Amino acid sequence: MEKGKLIYETRPDRGFIFRAWDLPDSKGDAKIEVERDGKVIREFIFPAYKVWNIAAHSNDIIQSELEKDTDGYLIAGSDGLGGNVFAR
């Protein structure tokens, strides 16, 4: 999918930067890239209505990356009702 307009780019934190782009040819999805020390370590499609959860939980995600688990992503993807936008 072609990236559209950059929605946000976070400031570097412990070598991590988070970026989100809208996807003009999708139906409400965004592309997320997680970069560490200048290299993209994860990229995924995420519902655009929740895209700010990635930035809001960047500290949780960074801690998870450092601990080699996915808990921070699960926190960011939570719908608050016991569900999640990430597949388990």
Protein backbone atom coordinates (compact mmCIF):
# COMPACT_ATOMS: atom_id res chain seq x y z
CA MET A 1 0.00 0.00 0.00
CA GLU A 2 1.18 3.46 -0.81
CA LYS A 3 1.76 5.77 2.15
CA GLY A 4 -0.20 8.98 2.14
CA LYS A 5 0.18 11.98 4.39
CA LEU A 6 2.35 11.67 7.49
CA ILE A 7 0.05 11.85 10.51
CA TYR A 8 2.80 12.12 13.11
CA GLU A 9 6.42 11.37 13.91
CA THR A 10 7.54 11.15 17.52
CA ARG A 11 10.72 12.59 18.94
CA PRO A 12 13.50 10.06 19.47
CA ASP A 13 13.26 8.24 22.79
CA ARG A 14 15.98 5.70 23.64
CA GLY A 15 16.65 5.40 19.91
CA PHE A 16 13.00 4.74 19.01
CA ILE A 17 10.86 6.81 16.65
CA PHE A 18 7.22 6.10 15.80
CA ARG A 19 5.61 7.25 12.55
CA ALA A 20 2.07 6.97 11.27
CA TRP A 21 0.78 7.60 7.74
CA ASP A 22 -2.71 7.62 6.42
CA LEU A 23 -3.36 5.13 3.63
CA PRO A 24 -5.37 6.89 0.94
CA ASP A 25 -6.46 3.66 -0.76
CA SER A 26 -7.69 1.98 2.43
CA LYS A 27 -10.93 2.19 4.32
CA GLY A 28 -9.73 3.93 7.46
CA ASP A 29 -6.38 2.28 8.05
CA ALA A 30 -2.98 3.77 8.79
CA LYS A 31 0.55 2.46 8.40
CA ILE A 32 2.71 2.45 11.52
CA GLU A 33 6.50 2.22 11.46
CA VAL A 34 8.61 1.67 14.56
CA GLU A 35 12.22 2.65 14.05
CA ARG A 36 15.12 1.93 16.37
CA ASP A 37 18.54 3.49 15.85
CA GLY A 38 17.72 4.40 12.25
CA LYS A 39 16.33 0.98 11.23
CA VAL A 40 12.64 0.10 10.85
CA ILE A 41 12.06 -2.83 13.22
CA ARG A 42 8.28 -3.13 12.85
CA GLU A 43 5.67 -1.95 10.41
CA PHE A 44 2.01 -2.78 10.44
CA ILE A 45 -1.44 -1.62 9.43
CA PHE A 46 -3.49 -0.17 12.26
CA PRO A 47 -7.00 1.33 12.42
CA ALA A 48 -6.63 5.07 11.83
CA TYR A 49 -9.09 5.92 14.59
CA LYS A 50 -6.65 4.39 17.12
CA VAL A 51 -3.40 5.66 15.59
CA TRP A 52 -2.75 8.08 18.45
CA ASN A 53 -2.74 5.16 20.90
CA ILE A 54 0.64 4.14 19.49
CA ALA A 55 2.13 7.54 20.31
CA ALA A 56 0.34 7.69 23.67
CA HIS A 57 1.72 4.28 24.67
CA SER A 58 5.15 4.68 23.09
CA ASN A 59 6.83 4.28 26.47
CA ASP A 60 4.99 0.97 27.02
CA ILE A 61 5.96 -0.18 23.53
CA ILE A 62 9.60 0.80 23.98
CA GLN A 63 9.73 -1.07 27.28
CA SER A 64 8.21 -4.11 25.58
CA GLU A 65 10.74 -3.98 22.76
CA LEU A 66 13.56 -3.80 25.29
CA GLU A 67 12.08 -6.73 27.24
CA LYS A 68 11.40 -8.70 24.02
CA ASP A 69 7.64 -9.00 24.56
CA THR A 70 4.51 -7.51 22.99
CA ASP A 71 2.68 -6.19 26.06
CA GLY A 72 3.07 -2.52 25.05
CA TYR A 73 1.48 -3.18 21.66
CA LEU A 74 -1.40 -4.99 23.35
CA ILE A 75 -1.93 -2.01 25.66
CA ALA A 76 -1.96 0.38 22.68
CA GLY A 77 -4.35 -1.86 20.75
CA SER A 78 -6.83 -2.37 23.60
CA ASP A 79 -10.41 -1.36 22.91
CA GLY A 80 -11.03 -0.86 26.63
CA LEU A 81 -13.66 -3.59 26.67
CA GLY A 82 -11.44 -6.65 26.77
CA GLY A 83 -10.83 -6.71 23.02
CA ASN A 84 -7.85 -5.70 20.96
CA VAL A 85 -7.15 -4.58 17.40
CA PHE A 86 -4.04 -6.80 17.31
CA ALA A 87 -4.49 -10.51 16.70
CA ARG A 88 -3.19 -12.58 19.59
